[in-house]
Amino acid sequence: MTAHPEIVAALKETLDRTGTLDTVRSILRTDIHHCLNDSMQNLERDSNEEAPSPPHENILINELVAEYLAFNGYSNTLSVLAAESRSPSLLEARDSSKMLGPDFIRAELGLKKAVGSDTSTGRRRAPLAILYEIVETLKVRNRSRVATS
């Protein structure tokens, strides 16, 4: 049975518009990565070499990026990050509920807990991913340096 090109095009457009194609592609990439990773782990086991634990800084950065991805709803990208980073907390976190989370990141970076209102307007602020707060802080710091120069 051959499909009409118009039907194939309409089906592809619908799957693309609903995000199904992106999801399937992401799952396929993740599964391919897992297969390759499993093969590499088998080779490492055969050579009696264990993969080193990632440095603490990598775990922190991975958590920061993962929190950003979860905040923005990039769940497919988050699953690929978890698979590629082999970070224990991210591997368990197929959703954002099991990540080490913002409290861990804030404590590690010495950041204060986010306040609930914008000091310039007095209005309640929606919580932001910590990466946004870091970018804003650096921009403000840079503006103040330029102003004092």
N, C-alpha and C. Protein backbone atom coordinates (compact mmCIF):
# COMPACT_ATOMS: atom_id res chain seq x y z
N MET A 1 0.85 -1.18 0.00
CA MET A 1 0.00 0.00 0.00
C MET A 1 0.89 1.23 0.00
N THR A 2 0.65 2.12 -0.94
CA THR A 2 1.43 3.35 -1.00
C THR A 2 0.58 4.51 -0.53
N ALA A 3 1.21 5.42 0.19
CA ALA A 3 0.50 6.58 0.73
C ALA A 3 0.58 7.73 -0.26
N HIS A 4 -0.48 8.48 -0.31
CA HIS A 4 -0.49 9.67 -1.15
C HIS A 4 0.40 10.73 -0.52
N PRO A 5 1.19 11.43 -1.33
CA PRO A 5 2.09 12.46 -0.79
C PRO A 5 1.38 13.53 0.05
N GLU A 6 0.14 13.85 -0.32
CA GLU A 6 -0.60 14.87 0.43
C GLU A 6 -0.92 14.38 1.84
N ILE A 7 -1.27 13.10 1.95
CA ILE A 7 -1.59 12.52 3.26
C ILE A 7 -0.34 12.48 4.12
N VAL A 8 0.78 12.07 3.53
CA VAL A 8 2.04 12.01 4.26
C VAL A 8 2.43 13.41 4.74
N ALA A 9 2.30 14.40 3.88
CA ALA A 9 2.65 15.77 4.24
C ALA A 9 1.73 16.29 5.35
N ALA A 10 0.44 16.01 5.26
CA ALA A 10 -0.50 16.46 6.29
C ALA A 10 -0.22 15.79 7.63
N LEU A 11 0.06 14.50 7.57
CA LEU A 11 0.38 13.77 8.80
C LEU A 11 1.65 14.31 9.44
N LYS A 12 2.68 14.53 8.62
CA LYS A 12 3.93 15.07 9.15
C LYS A 12 3.72 16.46 9.75
N GLU A 13 2.95 17.30 9.08
CA GLU A 13 2.67 18.64 9.59
C GLU A 13 1.94 18.59 10.93
N THR A 14 0.97 17.70 11.05
CA THR A 14 0.22 17.55 12.30
C THR A 14 1.12 17.07 13.43
N LEU A 15 1.92 16.04 13.15
CA LEU A 15 2.83 15.51 14.17
C LEU A 15 3.87 16.55 14.58
N ASP A 16 4.31 17.35 13.62
CA ASP A 16 5.28 18.41 13.92
C ASP A 16 4.63 19.50 14.76
N ARG A 17 3.43 19.91 14.39
CA ARG A 17 2.72 20.98 15.10
C ARG A 17 2.39 20.59 16.54
N THR A 18 2.08 19.33 16.78
CA THR A 18 1.72 18.89 18.14
C THR A 18 2.95 18.57 18.99
N GLY A 19 4.13 18.58 18.35
CA GLY A 19 5.36 18.29 19.10
C GLY A 19 5.70 16.81 19.17
N THR A 20 4.86 15.99 18.57
CA THR A 20 5.09 14.54 18.62
C THR A 20 6.38 14.16 17.92
N LEU A 21 6.68 14.77 16.78
CA LEU A 21 7.92 14.45 16.07
C LEU A 21 9.14 14.79 16.92
N ASP A 22 9.12 15.95 17.57
CA ASP A 22 10.24 16.33 18.43
C ASP A 22 10.41 15.34 19.57
N THR A 23 9.31 14.91 20.14
CA THR A 23 9.37 13.95 21.25
C THR A 23 9.95 12.61 20.78
N VAL A 24 9.47 12.13 19.65
CA VAL A 24 9.96 10.85 19.12
C VAL A 24 11.45 10.96 18.78
N ARG A 25 11.84 12.07 18.17
CA ARG A 25 13.27 12.26 17.84
C ARG A 25 14.11 12.28 19.11
N SER A 26 13.64 12.95 20.12
CA SER A 26 14.38 13.02 21.38
C SER A 26 14.50 11.65 22.03
N ILE A 27 13.42 10.91 22.04
CA ILE A 27 13.44 9.55 22.62
C ILE A 27 14.40 8.68 21.83
N LEU A 28 14.37 8.80 20.52
CA LEU A 28 15.27 8.01 19.68
C LEU A 28 16.73 8.37 19.96
N ARG A 29 17.04 9.67 20.04
CA ARG A 29 18.41 10.10 20.36
C ARG A 29 18.85 9.55 21.71
N THR A 30 17.96 9.66 22.69
CA THR A 30 18.29 9.17 24.04
C THR A 30 18.53 7.67 24.02
N ASP A 31 17.67 6.92 23.34
CA ASP A 31 17.85 5.46 23.28
C ASP A 31 19.13 5.08 22.56
N ILE A 32 19.45 5.77 21.47
CA ILE A 32 20.71 5.51 20.77
C ILE A 32 21.87 5.80 21.69
N HIS A 33 21.80 6.93 22.40
CA HIS A 33 22.88 7.27 23.34
C HIS A 33 23.02 6.19 24.42
N HIS A 34 21.90 5.73 24.96
CA HIS A 34 21.94 4.67 25.98
C HIS A 34 22.61 3.41 25.43
N CYS A 35 22.26 3.04 24.20
CA CYS A 35 22.87 1.85 23.60
C CYS A 35 24.38 2.03 23.45
N LEU A 36 24.78 3.18 22.94
CA LEU A 36 26.21 3.45 22.79
C LEU A 36 26.89 3.51 24.15
N ASN A 37 26.23 4.14 25.10
CA ASN A 37 26.79 4.27 26.44
C ASN A 37 26.94 2.90 27.10
N ASP A 38 25.92 2.06 26.94
CA ASP A 38 26.00 0.70 27.50
C ASP A 38 27.15 -0.07 26.89
N SER A 39 27.35 0.08 25.58
CA SER A 39 28.47 -0.59 24.92
C SER A 39 29.79 -0.11 25.48
N MET A 40 29.92 1.20 25.69
CA MET A 40 31.16 1.76 26.25
C MET A 40 31.36 1.28 27.68
N GLN A 41 30.29 1.20 28.45
CA GLN A 41 30.41 0.72 29.83
C GLN A 41 30.84 -0.74 29.86
N ASN A 42 30.33 -1.53 28.93
CA ASN A 42 30.74 -2.93 28.86
C ASN A 42 32.22 -3.03 28.53
N LEU A 43 32.69 -2.18 27.63
CA LEU A 43 34.12 -2.18 27.30
C LEU A 43 34.95 -1.76 28.51
N GLU A 44 34.46 -0.74 29.24
CA GLU A 44 35.18 -0.29 30.44
C GLU A 44 35.21 -1.39 31.49
N ARG A 45 34.09 -2.08 31.66
CA ARG A 45 34.04 -3.17 32.64
C ARG A 45 35.01 -4.28 32.25
N ASP A 46 35.06 -4.55 30.96
CA ASP A 46 35.97 -5.58 30.48
C ASP A 46 37.43 -5.21 30.75
N SER A 47 37.72 -3.92 30.71
CA SER A 47 39.10 -3.50 30.96
C SER A 47 39.33 -3.17 32.44
N ASN A 48 38.33 -3.46 33.28
CA ASN A 48 38.40 -3.23 34.73
C ASN A 48 38.67 -1.78 35.11
N GLU A 49 38.30 -0.88 34.24
CA GLU A 49 38.43 0.54 34.56
C GLU A 49 37.04 1.10 34.85
N GLU A 50 36.90 1.75 35.99
CA GLU A 50 35.61 2.37 36.31
C GLU A 50 35.63 3.82 35.85
N ALA A 51 34.50 4.28 35.39
CA ALA A 51 34.39 5.68 34.99
C ALA A 51 34.49 6.55 36.24
N PRO A 52 35.26 7.62 36.18
CA PRO A 52 35.39 8.47 37.36
C PRO A 52 34.08 9.22 37.62
N SER A 53 33.87 9.55 38.88
CA SER A 53 32.71 10.36 39.24
C SER A 53 32.93 11.76 38.68
N PRO A 54 31.84 12.39 38.24
CA PRO A 54 32.02 13.75 37.72
C PRO A 54 32.45 14.69 38.85
N PRO A 55 33.26 15.68 38.53
CA PRO A 55 33.66 16.66 39.56
C PRO A 55 32.42 17.37 40.13
N HIS A 56 32.55 17.83 41.36
CA HIS A 56 31.45 18.51 42.04
C HIS A 56 30.93 19.69 41.20
N GLU A 57 31.85 20.42 40.57
CA GLU A 57 31.45 21.57 39.75
C GLU A 57 30.56 21.14 38.60
N ASN A 58 30.87 19.99 37.99
CA ASN A 58 30.03 19.50 36.90
C ASN A 58 28.62 19.17 37.39
N ILE A 59 28.54 18.56 38.55
CA ILE A 59 27.23 18.23 39.11
C ILE A 59 26.43 19.51 39.34
N LEU A 60 27.08 20.52 39.91
CA LEU A 60 26.42 21.80 40.17
C LEU A 60 25.95 22.45 38.86
N ILE A 61 26.82 22.49 37.86
CA ILE A 61 26.45 23.10 36.58
C ILE A 61 25.34 22.30 35.91
N ASN A 62 25.44 20.98 35.96
CA ASN A 62 24.37 20.16 35.37
C ASN A 62 23.03 20.42 36.05
N GLU A 63 23.05 20.56 37.38
CA GLU A 63 21.81 20.86 38.10
C GLU A 63 21.27 22.24 37.72
N LEU A 64 22.16 23.20 37.55
CA LEU A 64 21.75 24.55 37.16
C LEU A 64 21.11 24.53 35.77
N VAL A 65 21.74 23.86 34.84
CA VAL A 65 21.19 23.75 33.49
C VAL A 65 19.88 22.95 33.50
N ALA A 66 19.85 21.87 34.27
CA ALA A 66 18.64 21.05 34.35
C ALA A 66 17.47 21.85 34.93
N GLU A 67 17.75 22.67 35.93
CA GLU A 67 16.69 23.49 36.52
C GLU A 67 16.15 24.47 35.47
N TYR A 68 17.04 25.05 34.68
CA TYR A 68 16.64 25.95 33.59
C TYR A 68 15.79 25.21 32.56
N LEU A 69 16.24 24.01 32.16
CA LEU A 69 15.50 23.24 31.17
C LEU A 69 14.11 22.86 31.69
N ALA A 70 14.03 22.43 32.94
CA ALA A 70 12.74 22.06 33.53
C ALA A 70 11.83 23.27 33.62
N PHE A 71 12.39 24.42 34.02
CA PHE A 71 11.61 25.65 34.15
C PHE A 71 10.96 26.02 32.81
N ASN A 72 11.72 25.85 31.72
CA ASN A 72 11.24 26.23 30.40
C ASN A 72 10.48 25.11 29.69
N GLY A 73 10.32 23.97 30.34
CA GLY A 73 9.55 22.88 29.75
C GLY A 73 10.30 22.10 28.68
N TYR A 74 11.62 22.15 28.70
CA TYR A 74 12.43 21.42 27.71
C TYR A 74 12.70 20.01 28.22
N SER A 75 11.64 19.24 28.38
CA SER A 75 11.77 17.91 28.99
C SER A 75 12.58 16.95 28.12
N ASN A 76 12.46 17.06 26.80
CA ASN A 76 13.24 16.18 25.93
C ASN A 76 14.73 16.48 26.07
N THR A 77 15.08 17.74 26.08
CA THR A 77 16.48 18.13 26.24
C THR A 77 16.99 17.72 27.61
N LEU A 78 16.14 17.84 28.62
CA LEU A 78 16.51 17.43 29.98
C LEU A 78 16.82 15.94 30.03
N SER A 79 16.04 15.14 29.32
CA SER A 79 16.29 13.69 29.34
C SER A 79 17.60 13.35 28.65
N VAL A 80 17.95 14.10 27.61
CA VAL A 80 19.23 13.89 26.93
C VAL A 80 20.38 14.32 27.85
N LEU A 81 20.23 15.46 28.52
CA LEU A 81 21.26 15.91 29.47
C LEU A 81 21.47 14.86 30.55
N ALA A 82 20.40 14.32 31.07
CA ALA A 82 20.50 13.31 32.12
C ALA A 82 21.27 12.09 31.62
N ALA A 83 20.95 11.66 30.41
CA ALA A 83 21.61 10.48 29.86
C ALA A 83 23.09 10.74 29.59
N GLU A 84 23.40 11.90 29.02
CA GLU A 84 24.78 12.18 28.65
C GLU A 84 25.65 12.54 29.84
N SER A 85 25.10 13.20 30.83
CA SER A 85 25.91 13.64 31.97
C SER A 85 26.16 12.51 32.97
N ARG A 86 25.29 11.52 32.95
CA ARG A 86 25.36 10.41 33.92
C ARG A 86 25.38 10.92 35.36
N SER A 87 24.80 12.09 35.57
CA SER A 87 24.68 12.64 36.92
C SER A 87 23.60 11.85 37.65
N PRO A 88 23.93 11.25 38.81
CA PRO A 88 22.97 10.38 39.49
C PRO A 88 21.61 11.04 39.74
N SER A 89 21.60 12.28 40.18
CA SER A 89 20.31 12.91 40.48
C SER A 89 19.51 13.15 39.21
N LEU A 90 20.17 13.45 38.10
CA LEU A 90 19.45 13.68 36.85
C LEU A 90 19.00 12.38 36.22
N LEU A 91 19.77 11.33 36.36
CA LEU A 91 19.36 10.05 35.81
C LEU A 91 18.08 9.55 36.46
N GLU A 92 17.91 9.85 37.75
CA GLU A 92 16.68 9.47 38.46
C GLU A 92 15.55 10.42 38.13
N ALA A 93 15.88 11.61 37.65
CA ALA A 93 14.89 12.67 37.46
C ALA A 93 14.40 12.71 36.03
N ARG A 94 13.52 11.83 35.68
CA ARG A 94 12.90 11.92 34.36
C ARG A 94 11.92 13.10 34.36
N ASP A 95 11.58 13.57 35.55
CA ASP A 95 10.88 14.83 35.69
C ASP A 95 11.68 15.66 36.69
N SER A 96 11.31 16.90 36.88
CA SER A 96 12.12 17.80 37.69
C SER A 96 11.98 17.57 39.19
N SER A 97 11.07 16.69 39.62
CA SER A 97 10.82 16.53 41.06
C SER A 97 11.95 15.83 41.81
N LYS A 98 12.82 15.08 41.11
CA LYS A 98 13.87 14.34 41.80
C LYS A 98 15.25 14.96 41.64
N MET A 99 15.33 16.11 40.96
CA MET A 99 16.62 16.78 40.83
C MET A 99 17.03 17.30 42.20
N LEU A 100 18.31 17.58 42.36
CA LEU A 100 18.76 18.14 43.63
C LEU A 100 18.07 19.47 43.89
N GLY A 101 17.83 20.22 42.84
CA GLY A 101 16.94 21.36 42.90
C GLY A 101 17.54 22.69 43.30
N PRO A 102 16.67 23.71 43.31
CA PRO A 102 17.12 25.08 43.54
C PRO A 102 17.73 25.30 44.92
N ASP A 103 17.25 24.61 45.93
CA ASP A 103 17.83 24.81 47.27
C ASP A 103 19.30 24.36 47.29
N PHE A 104 19.59 23.22 46.65
CA PHE A 104 20.96 22.74 46.54
C PHE A 104 21.82 23.75 45.78
N ILE A 105 21.32 24.22 44.64
CA ILE A 105 22.08 25.16 43.81
C ILE A 105 22.34 26.45 44.58
N ARG A 106 21.29 26.99 45.23
CA ARG A 106 21.46 28.23 45.99
C ARG A 106 22.47 28.07 47.12
N ALA A 107 22.40 26.94 47.83
CA ALA A 107 23.35 26.71 48.93
C ALA A 107 24.77 26.61 48.40
N GLU A 108 24.97 25.90 47.30
CA GLU A 108 26.30 25.73 46.74
C GLU A 108 26.89 27.03 46.21
N LEU A 109 26.04 27.90 45.67
CA LEU A 109 26.50 29.17 45.10
C LEU A 109 26.43 30.32 46.10
N GLY A 110 25.92 30.05 47.30
CA GLY A 110 25.80 31.10 48.30
C GLY A 110 24.77 32.16 47.92
N LEU A 111 23.72 31.73 47.25
CA LEU A 111 22.66 32.66 46.83
C LEU A 111 21.56 32.69 47.87
N LYS A 112 20.97 33.86 48.01
CA LYS A 112 19.84 33.99 48.93
C LYS A 112 18.61 33.37 48.29
N LYS A 113 17.68 32.99 49.15
CA LYS A 113 16.40 32.48 48.65
C LYS A 113 15.72 33.61 47.89
N ALA A 114 15.11 33.29 46.78
CA ALA A 114 14.47 34.29 45.95
C ALA A 114 13.36 35.00 46.72
N VAL A 115 13.35 36.30 46.60
CA VAL A 115 12.29 37.07 47.25
C VAL A 115 11.06 37.07 46.37
N GLY A 116 9.92 37.30 46.97
CA GLY A 116 8.66 37.19 46.25
C GLY A 116 8.20 38.45 45.56
N SER A 117 8.92 39.57 45.67
CA SER A 117 8.43 40.76 44.99
C SER A 117 9.58 41.49 44.32
N ASP A 118 9.23 42.22 43.30
CA ASP A 118 10.20 43.03 42.56
C ASP A 118 10.35 44.34 43.30
N THR A 119 11.57 44.67 43.72
CA THR A 119 11.78 45.87 44.52
C THR A 119 11.50 47.14 43.74
N SER A 120 11.63 47.11 42.41
CA SER A 120 11.39 48.33 41.64
C SER A 120 9.91 48.63 41.46
N THR A 121 9.07 47.60 41.44
CA THR A 121 7.64 47.83 41.22
C THR A 121 6.80 47.48 42.43
N GLY A 122 7.34 46.67 43.34
CA GLY A 122 6.58 46.23 44.51
C GLY A 122 5.59 45.12 44.19
N ARG A 123 5.53 44.70 42.92
CA ARG A 123 4.60 43.64 42.53
C ARG A 123 5.20 42.27 42.80
N ARG A 124 4.31 41.30 42.96
CA ARG A 124 4.72 39.92 43.18
C ARG A 124 5.36 39.39 41.90
N ARG A 125 6.49 38.71 42.04
CA ARG A 125 7.22 38.15 40.91
C ARG A 125 6.98 36.66 40.82
N ALA A 126 6.87 36.16 39.60
CA ALA A 126 6.81 34.71 39.41
C ALA A 126 8.21 34.16 39.64
N PRO A 127 8.32 32.97 40.20
CA PRO A 127 9.66 32.41 40.41
C PRO A 127 10.36 32.20 39.07
N LEU A 128 11.64 32.48 39.05
CA LEU A 128 12.45 32.31 37.84
C LEU A 128 13.46 31.20 38.06
N ALA A 129 13.92 30.65 36.96
CA ALA A 129 15.03 29.71 37.05
C ALA A 129 16.24 30.49 37.55
N ILE A 130 17.07 29.85 38.35
CA ILE A 130 18.22 30.52 38.96
C ILE A 130 19.15 31.09 37.90
N LEU A 131 19.26 30.45 36.77
CA LEU A 131 20.13 30.95 35.71
C LEU A 131 19.71 32.35 35.27
N TYR A 132 18.42 32.62 35.24
CA TYR A 132 17.94 33.96 34.90
C TYR A 132 18.38 34.97 35.96
N GLU A 133 18.30 34.57 37.22
CA GLU A 133 18.72 35.46 38.30
C GLU A 133 20.21 35.77 38.21
N ILE A 134 21.00 34.75 37.88
CA ILE A 134 22.45 34.95 37.76
C ILE A 134 22.75 35.90 36.61
N VAL A 135 22.09 35.71 35.48
CA VAL A 135 22.30 36.59 34.33
C VAL A 135 21.93 38.03 34.68
N GLU A 136 20.79 38.21 35.32
CA GLU A 136 20.35 39.56 35.70
C GLU A 136 21.34 40.20 36.68
N THR A 137 21.81 39.44 37.65
CA THR A 137 22.77 39.96 38.63
C THR A 137 24.05 40.40 37.93
N LEU A 138 24.53 39.61 37.00
CA LEU A 138 25.76 39.96 36.27
C LEU A 138 25.54 41.19 35.39
N LYS A 139 24.37 41.30 34.78
CA LYS A 139 24.08 42.48 33.96
C LYS A 139 24.06 43.74 34.82
N VAL A 140 23.42 43.67 36.00
CA VAL A 140 23.37 44.82 36.90
C VAL A 140 24.78 45.18 37.36
N ARG A 141 25.56 44.16 37.72
CA ARG A 141 26.94 44.40 38.15
C ARG A 141 27.75 45.06 37.04
N ASN A 142 27.57 44.61 35.82
CA ASN A 142 28.29 45.17 34.68
C ASN A 142 27.88 46.62 34.43
N ARG A 143 26.56 46.90 34.53
CA ARG A 143 26.09 48.28 34.34
C ARG A 143 26.67 49.20 35.40
N SER A 144 26.76 48.71 36.66
CA SER A 144 27.30 49.56 37.71
C SER A 144 28.80 49.79 37.53
N ARG A 145 29.51 48.80 37.00
CA ARG A 145 30.94 48.99 36.72
C ARG A 145 31.14 50.00 35.62
N VAL A 146 30.32 49.93 34.59
CA VAL A 146 30.42 50.88 33.48
C VAL A 146 30.09 52.28 33.96
N ALA A 147 29.09 52.39 34.83
CA ALA A 147 28.68 53.71 35.35
C ALA A 147 29.75 54.34 36.22
N THR A 148 30.52 53.53 36.95
CA THR A 148 31.56 54.08 37.82
C THR A 148 32.88 54.29 37.10
N SER A 149 32.99 53.82 35.87
CA SER A 149 34.24 53.99 35.11
C SER A 149 34.35 55.34 34.47
